[in-house]
PDB file of N, CA and C in Angstrom:
ATOM      1  N   MET A   1      33.366  -5.758 -29.157  1.00  0.00           N
ATOM      2  CA  MET A   1      32.329  -4.748 -28.841  1.00  0.00           C
ATOM      3  C   MET A   1      31.962  -4.970 -27.286  1.00  0.00           C
ATOM      4  N   ASN A   2      31.577  -3.879 -26.771  1.00  0.00           N
ATOM      5  CA  ASN A   2      31.200  -3.972 -25.329  1.00  0.00           C
ATOM      6  C   ASN A   2      29.671  -4.013 -25.151  1.00  0.00           C
ATOM      7  N   ARG A   3      29.293  -4.114 -24.067  1.00  0.00           N
ATOM      8  CA  ARG A   3      27.823  -4.293 -23.691  1.00  0.00           C
ATOM      9  C   ARG A   3      26.992  -2.991 -24.130  1.00  0.00           C
ATOM     10  N   ASN A   4      27.625  -1.761 -23.963  1.00  0.00           N
ATOM     11  CA  ASN A   4      26.853  -0.526 -24.269  1.00  0.00           C
ATOM     12  C   ASN A   4      26.508  -0.525 -25.729  1.00  0.00           C
ATOM     13  N   PHE A   5      27.420  -0.907 -26.597  1.00  0.00           N
ATOM     14  CA  PHE A   5      27.150  -0.945 -28.032  1.00  0.00           C
ATOM     15  C   PHE A   5      26.117  -1.983 -28.463  1.00  0.00           C
ATOM     16  N   ILE A   6      26.244  -3.163 -27.896  1.00  0.00           N
ATOM     17  CA  ILE A   6      25.202  -4.211 -28.155  1.00  0.00           C
ATOM     18  C   ILE A   6      23.868  -3.880 -27.644  1.00  0.00           C
ATOM     19  N   ALA A   7      23.804  -3.151 -26.460  1.00  0.00           N
ATOM     20  CA  ALA A   7      22.423  -2.804 -25.957  1.00  0.00           C
ATOM     21  C   ALA A   7      21.876  -1.663 -26.872  1.00  0.00           C
ATOM     22  N   ALA A   8      22.686  -0.838 -27.317  1.00  0.00           N
ATOM     23  CA  ALA A   8      22.167   0.259 -28.210  1.00  0.00           C
ATOM     24  C   ALA A   8      21.718  -0.383 -29.582  1.00  0.00           C
ATOM     25  N   LEU A   9      22.409  -1.345 -30.055  1.00  0.00           N
ATOM     26  CA  LEU A   9      21.863  -2.108 -31.220  1.00  0.00           C
ATOM     27  C   LEU A   9      20.434  -2.807 -31.104  1.00  0.00           C
ATOM     28  N   ASN A  10      20.255  -3.071 -29.755  1.00  0.00           N
ATOM     29  CA  ASN A  10      19.012  -3.813 -29.477  1.00  0.00           C
ATOM     30  C   ASN A  10      17.951  -2.782 -29.011  1.00  0.00           C
ATOM     31  N   ARG A  11      18.236  -1.512 -29.234  1.00  0.00           N
ATOM     32  CA  ARG A  11      17.403  -0.415 -28.979  1.00  0.00           C
ATOM     33  C   ARG A  11      17.055  -0.194 -27.521  1.00  0.00           C
ATOM     34  N   GLU A  12      18.057  -0.593 -26.677  1.00  0.00           N
ATOM     35  CA  GLU A  12      17.901  -0.341 -25.250  1.00  0.00           C
ATOM     36  C   GLU A  12      18.342   1.078 -24.932  1.00  0.00           C
ATOM     37  N   ILE A  13      17.682   1.725 -24.051  1.00  0.00           N
ATOM     38  CA  ILE A  13      18.017   3.156 -23.797  1.00  0.00           C
ATOM     39  C   ILE A  13      19.346   3.107 -22.941  1.00  0.00           C
ATOM     40  N   GLN A  14      20.341   3.989 -23.385  1.00  0.00           N
ATOM     41  CA  GLN A  14      21.572   4.121 -22.861  1.00  0.00           C
ATOM     42  C   GLN A  14      21.722   5.441 -22.016  1.00  0.00           C
ATOM     43  N   LYS A  15      22.604   5.520 -21.010  1.00  0.00           N
ATOM     44  CA  LYS A  15      22.884   6.760 -20.375  1.00  0.00           C
ATOM     45  C   LYS A  15      23.708   7.637 -21.315  1.00  0.00           C
ATOM     46  N   THR A  16      24.611   7.034 -22.063  1.00  0.00           N
ATOM     47  CA  THR A  16      25.408   7.740 -23.009  1.00  0.00           C
ATOM     48  C   THR A  16      25.376   6.977 -24.323  1.00  0.00           C
ATOM     49  N   PRO A  17      25.514   7.674 -25.498  1.00  0.00           N
ATOM     50  CA  PRO A  17      25.469   7.034 -26.670  1.00  0.00           C
ATOM     51  C   PRO A  17      26.833   6.152 -26.831  1.00  0.00           C
ATOM     52  N   PRO A  18      26.777   5.029 -27.519  1.00  0.00           N
ATOM     53  CA  PRO A  18      28.085   4.360 -27.797  1.00  0.00           C
ATOM     54  C   PRO A  18      28.894   5.127 -28.763  1.00  0.00           C
ATOM     55  N   ILE A  19      30.230   4.922 -28.505  1.00  0.00           N
ATOM     56  CA  ILE A  19      31.165   5.599 -29.329  1.00  0.00           C
ATOM     57  C   ILE A  19      31.962   4.639 -30.135  1.00  0.00           C
ATOM     58  N   TRP A  20      32.193   4.818 -31.378  1.00  0.00           N
ATOM     59  CA  TRP A  20      32.954   3.941 -32.255  1.00  0.00           C
ATOM     60  C   TRP A  20      33.881   4.853 -33.088  1.00  0.00           C
ATOM     61  N   ILE A  21      34.961   4.229 -33.575  1.00  0.00           N
ATOM     62  CA  ILE A  21      36.005   5.014 -34.292  1.00  0.00           C
ATOM     63  C   ILE A  21      36.105   4.447 -35.670  1.00  0.00           C
ATOM     64  N   MET A  22      36.326   5.322 -36.549  1.00  0.00           N
ATOM     65  CA  MET A  22      36.651   4.925 -37.993  1.00  0.00           C
ATOM     66  C   MET A  22      38.174   4.610 -38.050  1.00  0.00           C
ATOM     67  N   ARG A  23      38.528   3.507 -38.461  1.00  0.00           N
ATOM     68  CA  ARG A  23      39.920   2.968 -38.375  1.00  0.00           C
ATOM     69  C   ARG A  23      40.990   3.912 -39.080  1.00  0.00           C
ATOM     70  N   GLN A  24      40.569   4.688 -39.958  1.00  0.00           N
ATOM     71  CA  GLN A  24      41.612   5.543 -40.691  1.00  0.00           C
ATOM     72  C   GLN A  24      42.168   6.519 -39.707  1.00  0.00           C
ATOM     73  N   ALA A  25      41.455   6.886 -38.700  1.00  0.00           N
ATOM     74  CA  ALA A  25      42.044   7.850 -37.557  1.00  0.00           C
ATOM     75  C   ALA A  25      43.181   7.283 -36.908  1.00  0.00           C
ATOM     76  N   GLY A  26      43.354   5.974 -36.934  1.00  0.00           N
ATOM     77  CA  GLY A  26      44.443   5.288 -36.216  1.00  0.00           C
ATOM     78  C   GLY A  26      45.754   5.466 -36.816  1.00  0.00           C
ATOM     79  N   ARG A  27      45.842   5.832 -38.045  1.00  0.00           N
ATOM     80  CA  ARG A  27      47.187   5.959 -38.697  1.00  0.00           C
ATOM     81  C   ARG A  27      48.092   6.921 -37.880  1.00  0.00           C
ATOM     82  N   TYR A  28      47.502   7.738 -37.051  1.00  0.00           N
ATOM     83  CA  TYR A  28      48.297   8.752 -36.395  1.00  0.00           C
ATOM     84  C   TYR A  28      48.777   8.126 -34.976  1.00  0.00           C
ATOM     85  N   LEU A  29      48.189   7.030 -34.575  1.00  0.00           N
ATOM     86  CA  LEU A  29      48.630   6.335 -33.351  1.00  0.00           C
ATOM     87  C   LEU A  29      50.033   5.723 -33.389  1.00  0.00           C
ATOM     88  N   PRO A  30      50.995   5.952 -32.506  1.00  0.00           N
ATOM     89  CA  PRO A  30      52.199   5.470 -32.452  1.00  0.00           C
ATOM     90  C   PRO A  30      52.259   3.920 -32.580  1.00  0.00           C
ATOM     91  N   GLU A  31      51.288   3.278 -32.028  1.00  0.00           N
ATOM     92  CA  GLU A  31      51.324   1.857 -32.143  1.00  0.00           C
ATOM     93  C   GLU A  31      51.025   1.353 -33.522  1.00  0.00           C
ATOM     94  N   TYR A  32      50.160   2.177 -34.194  1.00  0.00           N
ATOM     95  CA  TYR A  32      49.817   1.789 -35.671  1.00  0.00           C
ATOM     96  C   TYR A  32      51.135   2.067 -36.420  1.00  0.00           C
ATOM     97  N   ARG A  33      51.754   3.131 -36.185  1.00  0.00           N
ATOM     98  CA  ARG A  33      53.017   3.484 -37.017  1.00  0.00           C
ATOM     99  C   ARG A  33      54.085   2.397 -36.805  1.00  0.00           C
ATOM    100  N   LYS A  34      54.148   1.770 -35.584  1.00  0.00           N
ATOM    101  CA  LYS A  34      55.168   0.805 -35.349  1.00  0.00           C
ATOM    102  C   LYS A  34      54.790  -0.414 -36.181  1.00  0.00           C
ATOM    103  N   VAL A  35      53.533  -0.902 -36.219  1.00  0.00           N
ATOM    104  CA  VAL A  35      53.132  -2.000 -37.020  1.00  0.00           C
ATOM    105  C   VAL A  35      53.337  -1.706 -38.456  1.00  0.00           C
ATOM    106  N   ARG A  36      52.931  -0.570 -38.981  1.00  0.00           N
ATOM    107  CA  ARG A  36      53.051  -0.119 -40.415  1.00  0.00           C
ATOM    108  C   ARG A  36      54.484  -0.203 -40.778  1.00  0.00           C
ATOM    109  N   SER A  37      55.450   0.172 -39.882  1.00  0.00           N
ATOM    110  CA  SER A  37      56.855   0.196 -40.282  1.00  0.00           C
ATOM    111  C   SER A  37      57.441  -1.213 -40.610  1.00  0.00           C
ATOM    112  N   ASN A  38      56.665  -2.278 -40.268  1.00  0.00           N
ATOM    113  CA  ASN A  38      57.129  -3.615 -40.568  1.00  0.00           C
ATOM    114  C   ASN A  38      56.679  -4.116 -41.964  1.00  0.00           C
ATOM    115  N   PHE A  39      55.907  -3.278 -42.728  1.00  0.00           N
ATOM    116  CA  PHE A  39      55.341  -3.574 -43.946  1.00  0.00           C
ATOM    117  C   PHE A  39      55.850  -2.657 -45.020  1.00  0.00           C
ATOM    118  N   LYS A  40      56.323  -3.123 -46.104  1.00  0.00           N
ATOM    119  CA  LYS A  40      56.819  -2.321 -47.251  1.00  0.00           C
ATOM    120  C   LYS A  40      55.570  -1.918 -48.031  1.00  0.00           C
ATOM    121  N   ASN A  41      54.574  -2.836 -48.141  1.00  0.00           N
ATOM    122  CA  ASN A  41      53.423  -2.578 -49.009  1.00  0.00           C
ATOM    123  C   ASN A  41      52.129  -2.499 -48.104  1.00  0.00           C
ATOM    124  N   PHE A  42      51.464  -1.437 -48.123  1.00  0.00           N
ATOM    125  CA  PHE A  42      50.209  -1.205 -47.308  1.00  0.00           C
ATOM    126  C   PHE A  42      49.195  -2.368 -47.577  1.00  0.00           C
ATOM    127  N   LEU A  43      49.025  -2.804 -48.769  1.00  0.00           N
ATOM    128  CA  LEU A  43      48.000  -3.796 -49.091  1.00  0.00           C
ATOM    129  C   LEU A  43      48.352  -5.071 -48.488  1.00  0.00           C
ATOM    130  N   ASP A  44      49.682  -5.472 -48.286  1.00  0.00           N
ATOM    131  CA  ASP A  44      50.153  -6.630 -47.579  1.00  0.00           C
ATOM    132  C   ASP A  44      49.496  -6.590 -46.112  1.00  0.00           C
ATOM    133  N   MET A  45      49.610  -5.433 -45.489  1.00  0.00           N
ATOM    134  CA  MET A  45      49.138  -5.232 -44.270  1.00  0.00           C
ATOM    135  C   MET A  45      47.586  -5.537 -44.217  1.00  0.00           C
ATOM    136  N   CYS A  46      46.949  -5.054 -45.184  1.00  0.00           N
ATOM    137  CA  CYS A  46      45.470  -5.318 -45.286  1.00  0.00           C
ATOM    138  C   CYS A  46      45.058  -6.771 -45.541  1.00  0.00           C
ATOM    139  N   LYS A  47      45.959  -7.468 -46.022  1.00  0.00           N
ATOM    140  CA  LYS A  47      45.775  -8.900 -46.444  1.00  0.00           C
ATOM    141  C   LYS A  47      46.339  -9.872 -45.343  1.00  0.00           C
ATOM    142  N   THR A  48      46.681  -9.279 -44.196  1.00  0.00           N
ATOM    143  CA  THR A  48      47.211 -10.227 -43.062  1.00  0.00           C
ATOM    144  C   THR A  48      46.132 -10.054 -41.924  1.00  0.00           C
ATOM    145  N   PRO A  49      45.306 -11.121 -41.807  1.00  0.00           N
ATOM    146  CA  PRO A  49      44.273 -11.105 -40.816  1.00  0.00           C
ATOM    147  C   PRO A  49      44.640 -10.740 -39.388  1.00  0.00           C
ATOM    148  N   GLU A  50      45.769 -11.277 -38.886  1.00  0.00           N
ATOM    149  CA  GLU A  50      46.235 -11.072 -37.556  1.00  0.00           C
ATOM    150  C   GLU A  50      46.591  -9.582 -37.319  1.00  0.00           C
ATOM    151  N   ILE A  51      47.161  -9.000 -38.388  1.00  0.00           N
ATOM    152  CA  ILE A  51      47.443  -7.558 -38.276  1.00  0.00           C
ATOM    153  C   ILE A  51      46.227  -6.645 -38.328  1.00  0.00           C
ATOM    154  N   CYS A  52      45.382  -7.023 -39.272  1.00  0.00           N
ATOM    155  CA  CYS A  52      44.115  -6.231 -39.261  1.00  0.00           C
ATOM    156  C   CYS A  52      43.437  -6.343 -37.914  1.00  0.00           C
ATOM    157  N   CYS A  53      43.427  -7.454 -37.259  1.00  0.00           N
ATOM    158  CA  CYS A  53      42.749  -7.610 -36.047  1.00  0.00           C
ATOM    159  C   CYS A  53      43.399  -6.691 -34.973  1.00  0.00           C
ATOM    160  N   GLU A  54      44.735  -6.752 -34.972  1.00  0.00           N
ATOM    161  CA  GLU A  54      45.530  -5.861 -34.053  1.00  0.00           C
ATOM    162  C   GLU A  54      45.229  -4.449 -34.257  1.00  0.00           C
ATOM    163  N   LEU A  55      45.164  -4.041 -35.484  1.00  0.00           N
ATOM    164  CA  LEU A  55      44.902  -2.542 -35.804  1.00  0.00           C
ATOM    165  C   LEU A  55      43.490  -2.211 -35.409  1.00  0.00           C
ATOM    166  N   VAL A  56      42.599  -3.045 -35.556  1.00  0.00           N
ATOM    167  CA  VAL A  56      41.195  -2.728 -35.086  1.00  0.00           C
ATOM    168  C   VAL A  56      41.066  -2.544 -33.638  1.00  0.00           C
ATOM    169  N   LEU A  57      41.765  -3.299 -32.891  1.00  0.00           N
ATOM    170  CA  LEU A  57      41.822  -3.241 -31.362  1.00  0.00           C
ATOM    171  C   LEU A  57      42.647  -2.101 -30.757  1.00  0.00           C
ATOM    172  N   GLN A  58      43.646  -1.581 -31.609  1.00  0.00           N
ATOM    173  CA  GLN A  58      44.492  -0.565 -31.108  1.00  0.00           C
ATOM    174  C   GLN A  58      43.723   0.665 -30.432  1.00  0.00           C
ATOM    175  N   PRO A  59      42.810   1.335 -31.215  1.00  0.00           N
ATOM    176  CA  PRO A  59      42.108   2.483 -30.682  1.00  0.00           C
ATOM    177  C   PRO A  59      41.217   2.078 -29.520  1.00  0.00           C
ATOM    178  N   ILE A  60      40.614   0.988 -29.509  1.00  0.00           N
ATOM    179  CA  ILE A  60      39.705   0.535 -28.453  1.00  0.00           C
ATOM    180  C   ILE A  60      40.470   0.367 -27.210  1.00  0.00           C
ATOM    181  N   GLU A  61      41.636  -0.266 -27.244  1.00  0.00           N
ATOM    182  CA  GLU A  61      42.495  -0.448 -26.051  1.00  0.00           C
ATOM    183  C   GLU A  61      42.972   0.815 -25.516  1.00  0.00           C
ATOM    184  N   ARG A  62      43.274   1.853 -26.349  1.00  0.00           N
ATOM    185  CA  ARG A  62      43.866   3.119 -26.045  1.00  0.00           C
ATOM    186  C   ARG A  62      42.828   4.022 -25.427  1.00  0.00           C
ATOM    187  N   TYR A  63      41.638   4.092 -26.131  1.00  0.00           N
ATOM    188  CA  TYR A  63      40.633   5.181 -25.730  1.00  0.00           C
ATOM    189  C   TYR A  63      39.320   4.529 -25.100  1.00  0.00           C
ATOM    190  N   ASP A  64      39.235   3.311 -24.997  1.00  0.00           N
ATOM    191  CA  ASP A  64      38.167   2.613 -24.329  1.00  0.00           C
ATOM    192  C   ASP A  64      36.851   2.903 -25.136  1.00  0.00           C
ATOM    193  N   PHE A  65      36.921   2.787 -26.531  1.00  0.00           N
ATOM    194  CA  PHE A  65      35.696   2.967 -27.301  1.00  0.00           C
ATOM    195  C   PHE A  65      34.763   1.821 -27.172  1.00  0.00           C
ATOM    196  N   ASP A  66      33.601   1.995 -27.672  1.00  0.00           N
ATOM    197  CA  ASP A  66      32.547   0.876 -27.501  1.00  0.00           C
ATOM    198  C   ASP A  66      32.753  -0.171 -28.614  1.00  0.00           C
ATOM    199  N   ALA A  67      33.108   0.374 -29.899  1.00  0.00           N
ATOM    200  CA  ALA A  67      33.269  -0.581 -31.020  1.00  0.00           C
ATOM    201  C   ALA A  67      34.212   0.074 -31.975  1.00  0.00           C
ATOM    202  N   ALA A  68      34.562  -0.655 -33.052  1.00  0.00           N
ATOM    203  CA  ALA A  68      35.440  -0.199 -34.148  1.00  0.00           C
ATOM    204  C   ALA A  68      35.080  -0.750 -35.373  1.00  0.00           C
ATOM    205  N   ILE A  69      35.630  -0.147 -36.444  1.00  0.00           N
ATOM    206  CA  ILE A  69      35.417  -0.646 -37.848  1.00  0.00           C
ATOM    207  C   ILE A  69      36.497  -1.549 -38.185  1.00  0.00           C
ATOM    208  N   ILE A  70      36.259  -2.569 -38.926  1.00  0.00           N
ATOM    209  CA  ILE A  70      37.352  -3.563 -39.375  1.00  0.00           C
ATOM    210  C   ILE A  70      38.242  -2.819 -40.201  1.00  0.00           C
ATOM    211  N   PHE A  71      39.586  -3.019 -39.956  1.00  0.00           N
ATOM    212  CA  PHE A  71      40.627  -2.377 -40.636  1.00  0.00           C
ATOM    213  C   PHE A  71      40.627  -2.979 -42.087  1.00  0.00           C
ATOM    214  N   SER A  72      40.706  -2.224 -43.142  1.00  0.00           N
ATOM    215  CA  SER A  72      40.781  -2.566 -44.486  1.00  0.00           C
ATOM    216  C   SER A  72      41.046  -1.303 -45.281  1.00  0.00           C
ATOM    217  N   ASP A  73      40.861  -1.404 -46.552  1.00  0.00           N
ATOM    218  CA  ASP A  73      41.015  -0.284 -47.461  1.00  0.00           C
ATOM    219  C   ASP A  73      40.082  -0.536 -48.712  1.00  0.00           C
ATOM    220  N   ILE A  74      39.361   0.352 -49.210  1.00  0.00           N
ATOM    221  CA  ILE A  74      38.473   0.169 -50.290  1.00  0.00           C
ATOM    222  C   ILE A  74      39.199  -0.232 -51.529  1.00  0.00           C
ATOM    223  N   LEU A  75      40.499   0.065 -51.631  1.00  0.00           N
ATOM    224  CA  LEU A  75      41.277  -0.256 -52.849  1.00  0.00           C
ATOM    225  C   LEU A  75      41.637  -1.743 -52.866  1.00  0.00           C
ATOM    226  N   THR A  76      41.400  -2.555 -51.804  1.00  0.00           N
ATOM    227  CA  THR A  76      41.520  -3.886 -51.799  1.00  0.00           C
ATOM    228  C   THR A  76      40.587  -4.617 -52.809  1.00  0.00           C
ATOM    229  N   ILE A  77      39.636  -4.039 -53.149  1.00  0.00           N
ATOM    230  CA  ILE A  77      38.626  -4.546 -54.154  1.00  0.00           C
ATOM    231  C   ILE A  77      39.165  -4.535 -55.577  1.00  0.00           C
ATOM    232  N   PRO A  78      39.609  -3.275 -56.089  1.00  0.00           N
ATOM    233  CA  PRO A  78      40.199  -3.210 -57.378  1.00  0.00           C
ATOM    234  C   PRO A  78      41.492  -4.037 -57.547  1.00  0.00           C
ATOM    235  N   ASP A  79      42.122  -4.102 -56.344  1.00  0.00           N
ATOM    236  CA  ASP A  79      43.403  -4.967 -56.405  1.00  0.00           C
ATOM    237  C   ASP A  79      43.087  -6.410 -56.666  1.00  0.00           C
ATOM    238  N   ALA A  80      42.096  -6.878 -55.910  1.00  0.00           N
ATOM    239  CA  ALA A  80      41.638  -8.288 -56.034  1.00  0.00           C
ATOM    240  C   ALA A  80      41.030  -8.496 -57.491  1.00  0.00           C
ATOM    241  N   LEU A  81      40.632  -7.549 -58.155  1.00  0.00           N
ATOM    242  CA  LEU A  81      39.993  -7.739 -59.460  1.00  0.00           C
ATOM    243  C   LEU A  81      41.206  -7.550 -60.497  1.00  0.00           C
ATOM    244  N   GLY A  82      42.412  -7.452 -60.068  1.00  0.00           N
ATOM    245  CA  GLY A  82      43.585  -7.487 -61.019  1.00  0.00           C
ATOM    246  C   GLY A  82      43.971  -6.124 -61.533  1.00  0.00           C
ATOM    247  N   LEU A  83      43.574  -5.047 -60.900  1.00  0.00           N
ATOM    248  CA  LEU A  83      44.019  -3.756 -61.427  1.00  0.00           C
ATOM    249  C   LEU A  83      45.348  -3.342 -60.930  1.00  0.00           C
ATOM    250  N   GLY A  84      45.933  -4.150 -60.004  1.00  0.00           N
ATOM    251  CA  GLY A  84      47.318  -3.821 -59.557  1.00  0.00           C
ATOM    252  C   GLY A  84      47.465  -2.436 -58.905  1.00  0.00           C
ATOM    253  N   VAL A  85      46.940  -2.420 -57.662  1.00  0.00           N
ATOM    254  CA  VAL A  85      47.025  -1.186 -56.835  1.00  0.00           C
ATOM    255  C   VAL A  85      48.381  -1.047 -56.102  1.00  0.00           C
ATOM    256  N   SER A  86      48.967   0.018 -56.112  1.00  0.00           N
ATOM    257  CA  SER A  86      50.115   0.371 -55.281  1.00  0.00           C
ATOM    258  C   SER A  86      49.972   1.793 -54.776  1.00  0.00           C
ATOM    259  N   PHE A  87      50.604   1.988 -53.671  1.00  0.00           N
ATOM    260  CA  PHE A  87      50.605   3.340 -53.051  1.00  0.00           C
ATOM    261  C   PHE A  87      51.966   4.055 -53.194  1.00  0.00           C
ATOM    262  N   VAL A  88      51.969   5.055 -54.024  1.00  0.00           N
ATOM    263  CA  VAL A  88      53.220   5.787 -54.344  1.00  0.00           C
ATOM    264  C   VAL A  88      53.347   7.010 -53.387  1.00  0.00           C
ATOM    265  N   GLU A  89      54.498   7.077 -52.744  1.00  0.00           N
ATOM    266  CA  GLU A  89      54.797   8.141 -51.751  1.00  0.00           C
ATOM    267  C   GLU A  89      54.649   9.516 -52.529  1.00  0.00           C
ATOM    268  N   GLY A  90      53.888  10.385 -51.928  1.00  0.00           N
ATOM    269  CA  GLY A  90      53.705  11.773 -52.452  1.00  0.00           C
ATOM    270  C   GLY A  90      52.672  11.803 -53.660  1.00  0.00           C
ATOM    271  N   LYS A  91      52.177  10.647 -54.134  1.00  0.00           N
ATOM    272  CA  LYS A  91      51.231  10.581 -55.273  1.00  0.00           C
ATOM    273  C   LYS A  91      49.930   9.950 -54.784  1.00  0.00           C
ATOM    274  N   GLY A  92      49.933   8.922 -53.997  1.00  0.00           N
ATOM    275  CA  GLY A  92      48.755   8.235 -53.666  1.00  0.00           C
ATOM    276  C   GLY A  92      48.586   6.916 -54.469  1.00  0.00           C
ATOM    277  N   PRO A  93      47.404   6.377 -54.514  1.00  0.00           N
ATOM    278  CA  PRO A  93      47.164   5.088 -55.153  1.00  0.00           C
ATOM    279  C   PRO A  93      47.328   5.171 -56.658  1.00  0.00           C
ATOM    280  N   VAL A  94      48.061   4.179 -57.137  1.00  0.00           N
ATOM    281  CA  VAL A  94      48.259   4.103 -58.635  1.00  0.00           C
ATOM    282  C   VAL A  94      47.902   2.678 -59.103  1.00  0.00           C
ATOM    283  N   PHE A  95      47.228   2.662 -60.226  1.00  0.00           N
ATOM    284  CA  PHE A  95      46.793   1.347 -60.778  1.00  0.00           C
ATOM    285  C   PHE A  95      47.816   0.960 -61.914  1.00  0.00           C
ATOM    286  N   SER A  96      48.439  -0.209 -61.816  1.00  0.00           N
ATOM    287  CA  SER A  96      49.375  -0.685 -62.786  1.00  0.00           C
ATOM    288  C   SER A  96      48.620  -1.246 -64.011  1.00  0.00           C
ATOM    289  N   ASN A  97      47.452  -1.648 -63.737  1.00  0.00           N
ATOM    290  CA  ASN A  97      46.528  -2.202 -64.801  1.00  0.00           C
ATOM    291  C   ASN A  97      45.146  -1.542 -64.880  1.00  0.00           C
ATOM    292  N   PRO A  98      45.166  -0.205 -65.216  1.00  0.00           N
ATOM    293  CA  PRO A  98      43.944   0.481 -65.074  1.00  0.00           C
ATOM    294  C   PRO A  98      42.909   0.129 -66.208  1.00  0.00           C
ATOM    295  N   ILE A  99      41.684   0.360 -65.958  1.00  0.00           N
ATOM    296  CA  ILE A  99      40.566   0.039 -66.923  1.00  0.00           C
ATOM    297  C   ILE A  99      40.665   1.072 -67.971  1.00  0.00           C
ATOM    298  N   LYS A 100      41.047   0.507 -69.263  1.00  0.00           N
ATOM    299  CA  LYS A 100      41.188   1.370 -70.313  1.00  0.00           C
ATOM    300  C   LYS A 100      39.977   1.208 -71.417  1.00  0.00           C
ATOM    301  N   ASN A 101      39.481  -0.053 -71.280  1.00  0.00           N
ATOM    302  CA  ASN A 101      38.375  -0.360 -72.155  1.00  0.00           C
ATOM    303  C   ASN A 101      37.555  -1.467 -71.489  1.00  0.00           C
ATOM    304  N   GLN A 102      36.565  -1.871 -72.250  1.00  0.00           N
ATOM    305  CA  GLN A 102      35.629  -2.930 -71.695  1.00  0.00           C
ATOM    306  C   GLN A 102      36.166  -4.328 -71.662  1.00  0.00           C
ATOM    307  N   LYS A 103      37.326  -4.611 -72.279  1.00  0.00           N
ATOM    308  CA  LYS A 103      37.873  -5.929 -72.311  1.00  0.00           C
ATOM    309  C   LYS A 103      38.257  -6.447 -70.935  1.00  0.00           C
ATOM    310  N   ILE A 104      38.540  -5.628 -70.024  1.00  0.00           N
ATOM    311  CA  ILE A 104      38.881  -6.104 -68.664  1.00  0.00           C
ATOM    312  C   ILE A 104      37.735  -6.710 -68.017  1.00  0.00           C
ATOM    313  N   PHE A 105      36.538  -6.350 -68.367  1.00  0.00           N
ATOM    314  CA  PHE A 105      35.346  -6.922 -67.752  1.00  0.00           C
ATOM    315  C   PHE A 105      35.033  -8.405 -68.243  1.00  0.00           C
ATOM    316  N   LEU A 106      35.866  -8.747 -69.296  1.00  0.00           N
ATOM    317  CA  LEU A 106      35.743 -10.168 -69.713  1.00  0.00           C
ATOM    318  C   LEU A 106      36.681 -11.077 -68.812  1.00  0.00           C
ATOM    319  N   ASN A 107      37.494 -10.500 -67.998  1.00  0.00           N
ATOM    320  CA  ASN A 107      38.404 -11.164 -67.132  1.00  0.00           C
ATOM    321  C   ASN A 107      37.581 -12.046 -66.191  1.00  0.00           C
ATOM    322  N   ASP A 108      38.095 -13.316 -65.949  1.00  0.00           N
ATOM    323  CA  ASP A 108      37.359 -14.225 -65.086  1.00  0.00           C
ATOM    324  C   ASP A 108      37.117 -13.685 -63.704  1.00  0.00           C
ATOM    325  N   LYS A 109      37.953 -12.679 -63.242  1.00  0.00           N
ATOM    326  CA  LYS A 109      37.797 -12.163 -61.898  1.00  0.00           C
ATOM    327  C   LYS A 109      36.495 -11.309 -61.803  1.00  0.00           C
ATOM    328  N   PHE A 110      35.996 -10.722 -62.911  1.00  0.00           N
ATOM    329  CA  PHE A 110      34.709 -10.070 -62.946  1.00  0.00           C
ATOM    330  C   PHE A 110      33.624 -10.923 -63.155  1.00  0.00           C
TER     331      PHE A 110
END
């Protein structure tokens, strides 16, 4: 984060408002696509801290934004809970172990 963003968080008056980017927009960046091509599984990328850090910094370095959102995906949560998330080309996220009844909530992960 740069000084402009921190100052705004401290309620200091700024000449311009700080600009931040939602990470999802980065998937169109060539540098993102290059990193992504090294991973067969999207969630493996989300689970690699060094890669997440690199992906957070890419749009800041390219566009000089003031801050960014941490790279992740909301579906890392159900995956961590044992629902088995995979991303199927042309279909989207698929659960190999979907919640079908309340028994899954007895799982130690819940």
